[in-house]
Each structure stands twice: as structure tokens, then as C-alpha cells.
PDB file of N, CA and C in Angstrom:
ATOM      1  N   MET A   1       1.712  -9.657 -27.453  1.00  0.00           N
ATOM      2  CA  MET A   1       2.398  -9.812 -26.185  1.00  0.00           C
ATOM      3  C   MET A   1       2.816  -8.436 -25.660  1.00  0.00           C
ATOM      4  N   VAL A   2       2.627  -8.229 -24.384  1.00  0.00           N
ATOM      5  CA  VAL A   2       2.961  -6.958 -23.753  1.00  0.00           C
ATOM      6  C   VAL A   2       4.465  -6.905 -23.505  1.00  0.00           C
ATOM      7  N   SER A   3       5.053  -5.754 -23.832  1.00  0.00           N
ATOM      8  CA  SER A   3       6.485  -5.623 -23.604  1.00  0.00           C
ATOM      9  C   SER A   3       6.775  -5.513 -22.108  1.00  0.00           C
ATOM     10  N   LEU A   4       8.042  -5.604 -21.777  1.00  0.00           N
ATOM     11  CA  LEU A   4       8.458  -5.557 -20.376  1.00  0.00           C
ATOM     12  C   LEU A   4       8.308  -4.164 -19.780  1.00  0.00           C
ATOM     13  N   ILE A   5       8.433  -3.147 -20.595  1.00  0.00           N
ATOM     14  CA  ILE A   5       8.443  -1.783 -20.067  1.00  0.00           C
ATOM     15  C   ILE A   5       7.054  -1.324 -19.628  1.00  0.00           C
ATOM     16  N   SER A   6       6.001  -1.790 -20.266  1.00  0.00           N
ATOM     17  CA  SER A   6       4.644  -1.327 -19.921  1.00  0.00           C
ATOM     18  C   SER A   6       4.238  -1.677 -18.489  1.00  0.00           C
ATOM     19  N   PRO A   7       4.379  -2.931 -18.048  1.00  0.00           N
ATOM     20  CA  PRO A   7       4.034  -3.213 -16.650  1.00  0.00           C
ATOM     21  C   PRO A   7       4.949  -2.535 -15.649  1.00  0.00           C
ATOM     22  N   LEU A   8       6.211  -2.321 -16.015  1.00  0.00           N
ATOM     23  CA  LEU A   8       7.119  -1.636 -15.098  1.00  0.00           C
ATOM     24  C   LEU A   8       6.773  -0.158 -14.973  1.00  0.00           C
ATOM     25  N   ILE A   9       6.309   0.452 -16.049  1.00  0.00           N
ATOM     26  CA  ILE A   9       5.840   1.840 -15.961  1.00  0.00           C
ATOM     27  C   ILE A   9       4.598   1.903 -15.082  1.00  0.00           C
ATOM     28  N   LEU A  10       3.699   0.938 -15.232  1.00  0.00           N
ATOM     29  CA  LEU A  10       2.504   0.878 -14.382  1.00  0.00           C
ATOM     30  C   LEU A  10       2.893   0.700 -12.916  1.00  0.00           C
ATOM     31  N   ALA A  11       3.832  -0.205 -12.646  1.00  0.00           N
ATOM     32  CA  ALA A  11       4.272  -0.437 -11.271  1.00  0.00           C
ATOM     33  C   ALA A  11       4.904   0.820 -10.686  1.00  0.00           C
ATOM     34  N   PHE A  12       5.730   1.497 -11.473  1.00  0.00           N
ATOM     35  CA  PHE A  12       6.363   2.727 -11.010  1.00  0.00           C
ATOM     36  C   PHE A  12       5.327   3.809 -10.742  1.00  0.00           C
ATOM     37  N   ALA A  13       4.339   3.932 -11.640  1.00  0.00           N
ATOM     38  CA  ALA A  13       3.297   4.943 -11.468  1.00  0.00           C
ATOM     39  C   ALA A  13       2.470   4.668 -10.211  1.00  0.00           C
ATOM     40  N   LEU A  14       2.106   3.414  -9.978  1.00  0.00           N
ATOM     41  CA  LEU A  14       1.351   3.067  -8.775  1.00  0.00           C
ATOM     42  C   LEU A  14       2.153   3.372  -7.514  1.00  0.00           C
ATOM     43  N   PHE A  15       3.417   3.021  -7.548  1.00  0.00           N
ATOM     44  CA  PHE A  15       4.247   3.255  -6.370  1.00  0.00           C
ATOM     45  C   PHE A  15       4.419   4.747  -6.105  1.00  0.00           C
ATOM     46  N   VAL A  16       4.635   5.538  -7.144  1.00  0.00           N
ATOM     47  CA  VAL A  16       4.832   6.979  -6.964  1.00  0.00           C
ATOM     48  C   VAL A  16       3.539   7.644  -6.492  1.00  0.00           C
ATOM     49  N   ILE A  17       2.397   7.251  -7.054  1.00  0.00           N
ATOM     50  CA  ILE A  17       1.122   7.818  -6.605  1.00  0.00           C
ATOM     51  C   ILE A  17       0.897   7.495  -5.132  1.00  0.00           C
ATOM     52  N   GLY A  18       1.200   6.273  -4.731  1.00  0.00           N
ATOM     53  CA  GLY A  18       1.074   5.898  -3.325  1.00  0.00           C
ATOM     54  C   GLY A  18       2.028   6.671  -2.435  1.00  0.00           C
ATOM     55  N   MET A  19       3.256   6.845  -2.881  1.00  0.00           N
ATOM     56  CA  MET A  19       4.243   7.571  -2.087  1.00  0.00           C
ATOM     57  C   MET A  19       3.840   9.039  -1.927  1.00  0.00           C
ATOM     58  N   VAL A  20       3.354   9.647  -2.987  1.00  0.00           N
ATOM     59  CA  VAL A  20       2.894  11.032  -2.902  1.00  0.00           C
ATOM     60  C   VAL A  20       1.699  11.131  -1.961  1.00  0.00           C
ATOM     61  N   GLY A  21       0.810  10.145  -2.014  1.00  0.00           N
ATOM     62  CA  GLY A  21      -0.351  10.143  -1.113  1.00  0.00           C
ATOM     63  C   GLY A  21       0.048  10.048   0.347  1.00  0.00           C
ATOM     64  N   VAL A  22       1.063   9.256   0.646  1.00  0.00           N
ATOM     65  CA  VAL A  22       1.524   9.138   2.036  1.00  0.00           C
ATOM     66  C   VAL A  22       2.213  10.417   2.488  1.00  0.00           C
ATOM     67  N   LEU A  23       2.999  11.022   1.616  1.00  0.00           N
ATOM     68  CA  LEU A  23       3.767  12.201   2.007  1.00  0.00           C
ATOM     69  C   LEU A  23       2.939  13.482   2.047  1.00  0.00           C
ATOM     70  N   VAL A  24       1.907  13.585   1.222  1.00  0.00           N
ATOM     71  CA  VAL A  24       1.179  14.841   1.092  1.00  0.00           C
ATOM     72  C   VAL A  24      -0.087  14.873   1.932  1.00  0.00           C
ATOM     73  N   ARG A  25      -0.851  13.815   1.915  1.00  0.00           N
ATOM     74  CA  ARG A  25      -2.144  13.824   2.585  1.00  0.00           C
ATOM     75  C   ARG A  25      -1.984  13.651   4.090  1.00  0.00           C
ATOM     76  N   ARG A  26      -2.897  14.212   4.863  1.00  0.00           N
ATOM     77  CA  ARG A  26      -2.828  14.134   6.315  1.00  0.00           C
ATOM     78  C   ARG A  26      -3.934  13.263   6.904  1.00  0.00           C
ATOM     79  N   ASN A  27      -4.800  12.720   6.091  1.00  0.00           N
ATOM     80  CA  ASN A  27      -5.865  11.854   6.573  1.00  0.00           C
ATOM     81  C   ASN A  27      -5.336  10.423   6.668  1.00  0.00           C
ATOM     82  N   VAL A  28      -5.609   9.766   7.773  1.00  0.00           N
ATOM     83  CA  VAL A  28      -5.075   8.424   8.007  1.00  0.00           C
ATOM     84  C   VAL A  28      -5.644   7.417   7.004  1.00  0.00           C
ATOM     85  N   LEU A  29      -6.900   7.537   6.653  1.00  0.00           N
ATOM     86  CA  LEU A  29      -7.498   6.597   5.700  1.00  0.00           C
ATOM     87  C   LEU A  29      -6.860   6.735   4.318  1.00  0.00           C
ATOM     88  N   ILE A  30      -6.616   7.954   3.891  1.00  0.00           N
ATOM     89  CA  ILE A  30      -5.950   8.181   2.603  1.00  0.00           C
ATOM     90  C   ILE A  30      -4.528   7.633   2.652  1.00  0.00           C
ATOM     91  N   MET A  31      -3.867   7.781   3.795  1.00  0.00           N
ATOM     92  CA  MET A  31      -2.515   7.248   3.924  1.00  0.00           C
ATOM     93  C   MET A  31      -2.510   5.717   3.850  1.00  0.00           C
ATOM     94  N   LEU A  32      -3.501   5.072   4.458  1.00  0.00           N
ATOM     95  CA  LEU A  32      -3.597   3.607   4.373  1.00  0.00           C
ATOM     96  C   LEU A  32      -3.847   3.151   2.936  1.00  0.00           C
ATOM     97  N   MET A  33      -4.720   3.860   2.234  1.00  0.00           N
ATOM     98  CA  MET A  33      -4.970   3.513   0.835  1.00  0.00           C
ATOM     99  C   MET A  33      -3.726   3.743  -0.017  1.00  0.00           C
ATOM    100  N   SER A  34      -2.955   4.752   0.307  1.00  0.00           N
ATOM    101  CA  SER A  34      -1.727   5.020  -0.435  1.00  0.00           C
ATOM    102  C   SER A  34      -0.683   3.931  -0.200  1.00  0.00           C
ATOM    103  N   VAL A  35      -0.612   3.419   1.018  1.00  0.00           N
ATOM    104  CA  VAL A  35       0.294   2.295   1.297  1.00  0.00           C
ATOM    105  C   VAL A  35      -0.139   1.069   0.490  1.00  0.00           C
ATOM    106  N   GLU A  36      -1.437   0.860   0.367  1.00  0.00           N
ATOM    107  CA  GLU A  36      -1.930  -0.251  -0.445  1.00  0.00           C
ATOM    108  C   GLU A  36      -1.542  -0.069  -1.910  1.00  0.00           C
ATOM    109  N   LEU A  37      -1.600   1.156  -2.417  1.00  0.00           N
ATOM    110  CA  LEU A  37      -1.164   1.412  -3.792  1.00  0.00           C
ATOM    111  C   LEU A  37       0.317   1.106  -3.968  1.00  0.00           C
ATOM    112  N   MET A  38       1.122   1.474  -2.976  1.00  0.00           N
ATOM    113  CA  MET A  38       2.549   1.177  -3.055  1.00  0.00           C
ATOM    114  C   MET A  38       2.800  -0.332  -3.078  1.00  0.00           C
ATOM    115  N   LEU A  39       2.070  -1.069  -2.242  1.00  0.00           N
ATOM    116  CA  LEU A  39       2.227  -2.526  -2.234  1.00  0.00           C
ATOM    117  C   LEU A  39       1.762  -3.149  -3.554  1.00  0.00           C
ATOM    118  N   ASN A  40       0.706  -2.601  -4.144  1.00  0.00           N
ATOM    119  CA  ASN A  40       0.253  -3.115  -5.439  1.00  0.00           C
ATOM    120  C   ASN A  40       1.259  -2.824  -6.547  1.00  0.00           C
ATOM    121  N   GLY A  41       1.902  -1.660  -6.485  1.00  0.00           N
ATOM    122  CA  GLY A  41       2.959  -1.372  -7.444  1.00  0.00           C
ATOM    123  C   GLY A  41       4.117  -2.352  -7.325  1.00  0.00           C
ATOM    124  N   ALA A  42       4.484  -2.679  -6.093  1.00  0.00           N
ATOM    125  CA  ALA A  42       5.544  -3.672  -5.885  1.00  0.00           C
ATOM    126  C   ALA A  42       5.107  -5.048  -6.389  1.00  0.00           C
ATOM    127  N   ASN A  43       3.838  -5.388  -6.208  1.00  0.00           N
ATOM    128  CA  ASN A  43       3.342  -6.675  -6.700  1.00  0.00           C
ATOM    129  C   ASN A  43       3.395  -6.754  -8.214  1.00  0.00           C
ATOM    130  N   VAL A  44       3.033  -5.679  -8.887  1.00  0.00           N
ATOM    131  CA  VAL A  44       3.094  -5.678 -10.353  1.00  0.00           C
ATOM    132  C   VAL A  44       4.532  -5.866 -10.823  1.00  0.00           C
ATOM    133  N   ALA A  45       5.475  -5.220 -10.153  1.00  0.00           N
ATOM    134  CA  ALA A  45       6.880  -5.389 -10.519  1.00  0.00           C
ATOM    135  C   ALA A  45       7.353  -6.816 -10.252  1.00  0.00           C
ATOM    136  N   LEU A  46       6.955  -7.391  -9.128  1.00  0.00           N
ATOM    137  CA  LEU A  46       7.340  -8.777  -8.821  1.00  0.00           C
ATOM    138  C   LEU A  46       6.811  -9.748  -9.871  1.00  0.00           C
ATOM    139  N   ILE A  47       5.565  -9.580 -10.252  1.00  0.00           N
ATOM    140  CA  ILE A  47       4.972 -10.485 -11.244  1.00  0.00           C
ATOM    141  C   ILE A  47       5.595 -10.279 -12.618  1.00  0.00           C
ATOM    142  N   THR A  48       5.930  -9.035 -12.945  1.00  0.00           N
ATOM    143  CA  THR A  48       6.583  -8.758 -14.227  1.00  0.00           C
ATOM    144  C   THR A  48       7.939  -9.440 -14.309  1.00  0.00           C
ATOM    145  N   PHE A  49       8.740  -9.309 -13.263  1.00  0.00           N
ATOM    146  CA  PHE A  49      10.057  -9.949 -13.290  1.00  0.00           C
ATOM    147  C   PHE A  49       9.942 -11.468 -13.187  1.00  0.00           C
ATOM    148  N   SER A  50       8.936 -11.959 -12.502  1.00  0.00           N
ATOM    149  CA  SER A  50       8.718 -13.399 -12.447  1.00  0.00           C
ATOM    150  C   SER A  50       8.403 -13.945 -13.834  1.00  0.00           C
ATOM    151  N   ARG A  51       7.598 -13.204 -14.562  1.00  0.00           N
ATOM    152  CA  ARG A  51       7.265 -13.619 -15.926  1.00  0.00           C
ATOM    153  C   ARG A  51       8.484 -13.527 -16.835  1.00  0.00           C
ATOM    154  N   LEU A  52       9.319 -12.506 -16.637  1.00  0.00           N
ATOM    155  CA  LEU A  52      10.522 -12.337 -17.449  1.00  0.00           C
ATOM    156  C   LEU A  52      11.492 -13.495 -17.257  1.00  0.00           C
ATOM    157  N   TRP A  53      11.697 -13.897 -16.006  1.00  0.00           N
ATOM    158  CA  TRP A  53      12.659 -14.950 -15.713  1.00  0.00           C
ATOM    159  C   TRP A  53      12.082 -16.348 -15.840  1.00  0.00           C
ATOM    160  N   GLY A  54      10.776 -16.459 -15.998  1.00  0.00           N
ATOM    161  CA  GLY A  54      10.159 -17.758 -16.254  1.00  0.00           C
ATOM    162  C   GLY A  54      10.016 -18.647 -15.035  1.00  0.00           C
ATOM    163  N   ASP A  55      10.019 -18.104 -13.833  1.00  0.00           N
ATOM    164  CA  ASP A  55       9.794 -18.917 -12.645  1.00  0.00           C
ATOM    165  C   ASP A  55       8.617 -18.342 -11.860  1.00  0.00           C
ATOM    166  N   LEU A  56       8.192 -19.069 -10.849  1.00  0.00           N
ATOM    167  CA  LEU A  56       7.025 -18.673 -10.074  1.00  0.00           C
ATOM    168  C   LEU A  56       7.368 -18.028  -8.739  1.00  0.00           C
ATOM    169  N   ASP A  57       8.629 -17.798  -8.466  1.00  0.00           N
ATOM    170  CA  ASP A  57       9.027 -17.248  -7.173  1.00  0.00           C
ATOM    171  C   ASP A  57       8.424 -15.859  -6.931  1.00  0.00           C
ATOM    172  N   GLY A  58       8.457 -15.010  -7.932  1.00  0.00           N
ATOM    173  CA  GLY A  58       7.902 -13.666  -7.780  1.00  0.00           C
ATOM    174  C   GLY A  58       6.400 -13.687  -7.565  1.00  0.00           C
ATOM    175  N   GLN A  59       5.712 -14.616  -8.218  1.00  0.00           N
ATOM    176  CA  GLN A  59       4.268 -14.705  -8.058  1.00  0.00           C
ATOM    177  C   GLN A  59       3.892 -15.238  -6.680  1.00  0.00           C
ATOM    178  N   VAL A  60       4.659 -16.191  -6.180  1.00  0.00           N
ATOM    179  CA  VAL A  60       4.409 -16.708  -4.833  1.00  0.00           C
ATOM    180  C   VAL A  60       4.674 -15.625  -3.798  1.00  0.00           C
ATOM    181  N   PHE A  61       5.769 -14.899  -3.960  1.00  0.00           N
ATOM    182  CA  PHE A  61       6.078 -13.816  -3.036  1.00  0.00           C
ATOM    183  C   PHE A  61       5.019 -12.724  -3.104  1.00  0.00           C
ATOM    184  N   SER A  62       4.485 -12.494  -4.292  1.00  0.00           N
ATOM    185  CA  SER A  62       3.420 -11.513  -4.457  1.00  0.00           C
ATOM    186  C   SER A  62       2.160 -11.927  -3.695  1.00  0.00           C
ATOM    187  N   MET A  63       1.873 -13.206  -3.649  1.00  0.00           N
ATOM    188  CA  MET A  63       0.719 -13.680  -2.879  1.00  0.00           C
ATOM    189  C   MET A  63       0.920 -13.442  -1.382  1.00  0.00           C
ATOM    190  N   PHE A  64       2.148 -13.613  -0.906  1.00  0.00           N
ATOM    191  CA  PHE A  64       2.443 -13.308   0.496  1.00  0.00           C
ATOM    192  C   PHE A  64       2.287 -11.815   0.772  1.00  0.00           C
ATOM    193  N   VAL A  65       2.716 -10.982  -0.158  1.00  0.00           N
ATOM    194  CA  VAL A  65       2.566  -9.535   0.009  1.00  0.00           C
ATOM    195  C   VAL A  65       1.087  -9.159   0.052  1.00  0.00           C
ATOM    196  N   ILE A  66       0.265  -9.797  -0.774  1.00  0.00           N
ATOM    197  CA  ILE A  66      -1.177  -9.533  -0.765  1.00  0.00           C
ATOM    198  C   ILE A  66      -1.782  -9.939   0.576  1.00  0.00           C
ATOM    199  N   ALA A  67      -1.355 -11.065   1.118  1.00  0.00           N
ATOM    200  CA  ALA A  67      -1.877 -11.506   2.418  1.00  0.00           C
ATOM    201  C   ALA A  67      -1.464 -10.547   3.529  1.00  0.00           C
ATOM    202  N   VAL A  68      -0.224 -10.087   3.505  1.00  0.00           N
ATOM    203  CA  VAL A  68       0.231  -9.127   4.510  1.00  0.00           C
ATOM    204  C   VAL A  68      -0.504  -7.806   4.351  1.00  0.00           C
ATOM    205  N   ALA A  69      -0.766  -7.387   3.118  1.00  0.00           N
ATOM    206  CA  ALA A  69      -1.489  -6.138   2.876  1.00  0.00           C
ATOM    207  C   ALA A  69      -2.922  -6.230   3.390  1.00  0.00           C
ATOM    208  N   ALA A  70      -3.545  -7.380   3.240  1.00  0.00           N
ATOM    209  CA  ALA A  70      -4.908  -7.544   3.755  1.00  0.00           C
ATOM    210  C   ALA A  70      -4.920  -7.470   5.280  1.00  0.00           C
ATOM    211  N   ALA A  71      -3.942  -8.105   5.913  1.00  0.00           N
ATOM    212  CA  ALA A  71      -3.861  -8.037   7.376  1.00  0.00           C
ATOM    213  C   ALA A  71      -3.550  -6.614   7.834  1.00  0.00           C
ATOM    214  N   GLU A  72      -2.672  -5.938   7.118  1.00  0.00           N
ATOM    215  CA  GLU A  72      -2.334  -4.549   7.460  1.00  0.00           C
ATOM    216  C   GLU A  72      -3.547  -3.650   7.325  1.00  0.00           C
ATOM    217  N   ALA A  73      -4.343  -3.869   6.294  1.00  0.00           N
ATOM    218  CA  ALA A  73      -5.538  -3.047   6.106  1.00  0.00           C
ATOM    219  C   ALA A  73      -6.553  -3.293   7.209  1.00  0.00           C
ATOM    220  N   ALA A  74      -6.724  -4.535   7.606  1.00  0.00           N
ATOM    221  CA  ALA A  74      -7.693  -4.844   8.663  1.00  0.00           C
ATOM    222  C   ALA A  74      -7.255  -4.262  10.003  1.00  0.00           C
ATOM    223  N   VAL A  75      -6.008  -4.455  10.379  1.00  0.00           N
ATOM    224  CA  VAL A  75      -5.507  -3.933  11.651  1.00  0.00           C
ATOM    225  C   VAL A  75      -5.450  -2.409  11.620  1.00  0.00           C
ATOM    226  N   GLY A  76      -4.975  -1.856  10.518  1.00  0.00           N
ATOM    227  CA  GLY A  76      -4.899  -0.404  10.403  1.00  0.00           C
ATOM    228  C   GLY A  76      -6.267   0.249  10.459  1.00  0.00           C
ATOM    229  N   LEU A  77      -7.244  -0.339   9.795  1.00  0.00           N
ATOM    230  CA  LEU A  77      -8.590   0.218   9.831  1.00  0.00           C
ATOM    231  C   LEU A  77      -9.199   0.109  11.221  1.00  0.00           C
ATOM    232  N   ALA A  78      -8.922  -0.962  11.937  1.00  0.00           N
ATOM    233  CA  ALA A  78      -9.423  -1.093  13.313  1.00  0.00           C
ATOM    234  C   ALA A  78      -8.807  -0.025  14.215  1.00  0.00           C
ATOM    235  N   ILE A  79      -7.528   0.250  14.040  1.00  0.00           N
ATOM    236  CA  ILE A  79      -6.876   1.294  14.832  1.00  0.00           C
ATOM    237  C   ILE A  79      -7.448   2.664  14.490  1.00  0.00           C
ATOM    238  N   VAL A  80      -7.673   2.921  13.216  1.00  0.00           N
ATOM    239  CA  VAL A  80      -8.229   4.215  12.801  1.00  0.00           C
ATOM    240  C   VAL A  80      -9.636   4.400  13.359  1.00  0.00           C
ATOM    241  N   VAL A  81     -10.452   3.361  13.323  1.00  0.00           N
ATOM    242  CA  VAL A  81     -11.817   3.455  13.865  1.00  0.00           C
ATOM    243  C   VAL A  81     -11.766   3.710  15.371  1.00  0.00           C
ATOM    244  N   SER A  82     -10.866   3.051  16.061  1.00  0.00           N
ATOM    245  CA  SER A  82     -10.724   3.262  17.497  1.00  0.00           C
ATOM    246  C   SER A  82     -10.285   4.694  17.810  1.00  0.00           C
ATOM    247  N   ILE A  83      -9.334   5.206  17.058  1.00  0.00           N
ATOM    248  CA  ILE A  83      -8.889   6.582  17.263  1.00  0.00           C
ATOM    249  C   ILE A  83      -9.996   7.565  16.917  1.00  0.00           C
ATOM    250  N   PHE A  84     -10.728   7.299  15.846  1.00  0.00           N
ATOM    251  CA  PHE A  84     -11.804   8.207  15.440  1.00  0.00           C
ATOM    252  C   PHE A  84     -12.909   8.261  16.488  1.00  0.00           C
ATOM    253  N   ARG A  85     -13.166   7.133  17.153  1.00  0.00           N
ATOM    254  CA  ARG A  85     -14.202   7.122  18.191  1.00  0.00           C
ATOM    255  C   ARG A  85     -13.791   7.942  19.407  1.00  0.00           C
ATOM    256  N   THR A  86     -12.517   7.930  19.747  1.00  0.00           N
ATOM    257  CA  THR A  86     -12.083   8.672  20.933  1.00  0.00           C
ATOM    258  C   THR A  86     -11.780  10.135  20.635  1.00  0.00           C
ATOM    259  N   ARG A  87     -11.271  10.428  19.458  1.00  0.00           N
ATOM    260  CA  ARG A  87     -10.847  11.792  19.129  1.00  0.00           C
ATOM    261  C   ARG A  87     -11.808  12.527  18.193  1.00  0.00           C
ATOM    262  N   ALA A  88     -12.686  11.823  17.505  1.00  0.00           N
ATOM    263  CA  ALA A  88     -13.625  12.384  16.525  1.00  0.00           C
ATOM    264  C   ALA A  88     -12.893  13.074  15.371  1.00  0.00           C
ATOM    265  N   SER A  89     -11.708  12.584  15.032  1.00  0.00           N
ATOM    266  CA  SER A  89     -10.957  13.124  13.910  1.00  0.00           C
ATOM    267  C   SER A  89      -9.991  12.059  13.412  1.00  0.00           C
ATOM    268  N   ALA A  90      -9.754  12.071  12.104  1.00  0.00           N
ATOM    269  CA  ALA A  90      -8.791  11.141  11.518  1.00  0.00           C
ATOM    270  C   ALA A  90      -7.605  11.893  10.936  1.00  0.00           C
ATOM    271  N   ASP A  91      -7.339  13.078  11.443  1.00  0.00           N
ATOM    272  CA  ASP A  91      -6.233  13.902  10.966  1.00  0.00           C
ATOM    273  C   ASP A  91      -4.953  13.512  11.693  1.00  0.00           C
ATOM    274  N   VAL A  92      -3.888  13.328  10.942  1.00  0.00           N
ATOM    275  CA  VAL A  92      -2.620  12.879  11.530  1.00  0.00           C
ATOM    276  C   VAL A  92      -2.016  13.964  12.420  1.00  0.00           C
ATOM    277  N   ASP A  93      -2.186  15.213  12.075  1.00  0.00           N
ATOM    278  CA  ASP A  93      -1.599  16.303  12.858  1.00  0.00           C
ATOM    279  C   ASP A  93      -2.172  16.391  14.260  1.00  0.00           C
ATOM    280  N   GLN A  94      -3.389  15.936  14.457  1.00  0.00           N
ATOM    281  CA  GLN A  94      -4.006  15.974  15.772  1.00  0.00           C
ATOM    282  C   GLN A  94      -3.634  14.769  16.631  1.00  0.00           C
ATOM    283  N   LEU A  95      -2.965  13.802  16.075  1.00  0.00           N
ATOM    284  CA  LEU A  95      -2.572  12.599  16.808  1.00  0.00           C
ATOM    285  C   LEU A  95      -1.122  12.707  17.240  1.00  0.00           C
ATOM    286  N   THR A  96      -0.821  13.639  18.113  1.00  0.00           N
ATOM    287  CA  THR A  96       0.558  13.865  18.515  1.00  0.00           C
ATOM    288  C   THR A  96       0.947  13.107  19.771  1.00  0.00           C
ATOM    289  N   THR A  97      -0.024  12.733  20.583  1.00  0.00           N
ATOM    290  CA  THR A  97       0.292  12.009  21.804  1.00  0.00           C
ATOM    291  C   THR A  97      -0.392  10.664  21.814  1.00  0.00           C
ATOM    292  N   LEU A  98       0.166   9.734  22.541  1.00  0.00           N
ATOM    293  CA  LEU A  98      -0.413   8.408  22.646  1.00  0.00           C
ATOM    294  C   LEU A  98      -1.373   8.279  23.831  1.00  0.00           C
ATOM    295  N   ARG A  99      -1.325   9.195  24.727  1.00  0.00           N
ATOM    296  CA  ARG A  99      -2.227   9.128  25.882  1.00  0.00           C
ATOM    297  C   ARG A  99      -3.511   9.854  25.567  1.00  0.00           C
ATOM    298  N   ASP A 100      -4.496   9.723  26.442  1.00  0.00           N
ATOM    299  CA  ASP A 100      -5.772  10.429  26.358  1.00  0.00           C
ATOM    300  C   ASP A 100      -6.843   9.640  25.714  1.00  0.00           C
TER     301      ASP A 100
END
């Protein structure tokens, strides 16, 4: 049986890697993938605590988070593709204005 600390270390590592990716990288696609890593880290923590307490609430909430993450990825990728077509760049520093 896996101890409680191992999945929590994994969840923390996923969340920190995602947070560093959002804060350091300037490419929009890398930032979207980093947000997905952060959401997956939160899901691992939710499932770990759900298993610890013996109920299914954390697992059900984790399924909702997965559904929201899928919708966020689809909408975010559509916005990035639209911006890339008009600007020919996916760099966050070049996206300073909403017009044009």
C-alpha cells in the first residue's frame, strides 16, 4: 500500500513545476500546458485526500476539475491559434494590446 506522503509529494511537484512554467516561460502554449500541470497536481491531492477519508467527494470533484480543464484547453488553444494567425507569434510579451 502506498503511503499518504508519496502522492502528496507528487501533487506538490506537479503543482510547483506548473507554477514555475507559468511564471518563467513566455510562450502561451507552454503556459497553457503549465496550467494543466497545476490542475493535475490539484487532482492528485484531491484523490489522495478522498482516499484517506474514505469518501468519493474528492474523486467526484476531481472529475469536474478534469472537465473544466478540458474546456479550458480547448478554448485557450482556439484563442492562441487565432492570435497566432493574426500576429504570427505566440510570445506573451508581444501581446500587449487587445486591438489590431
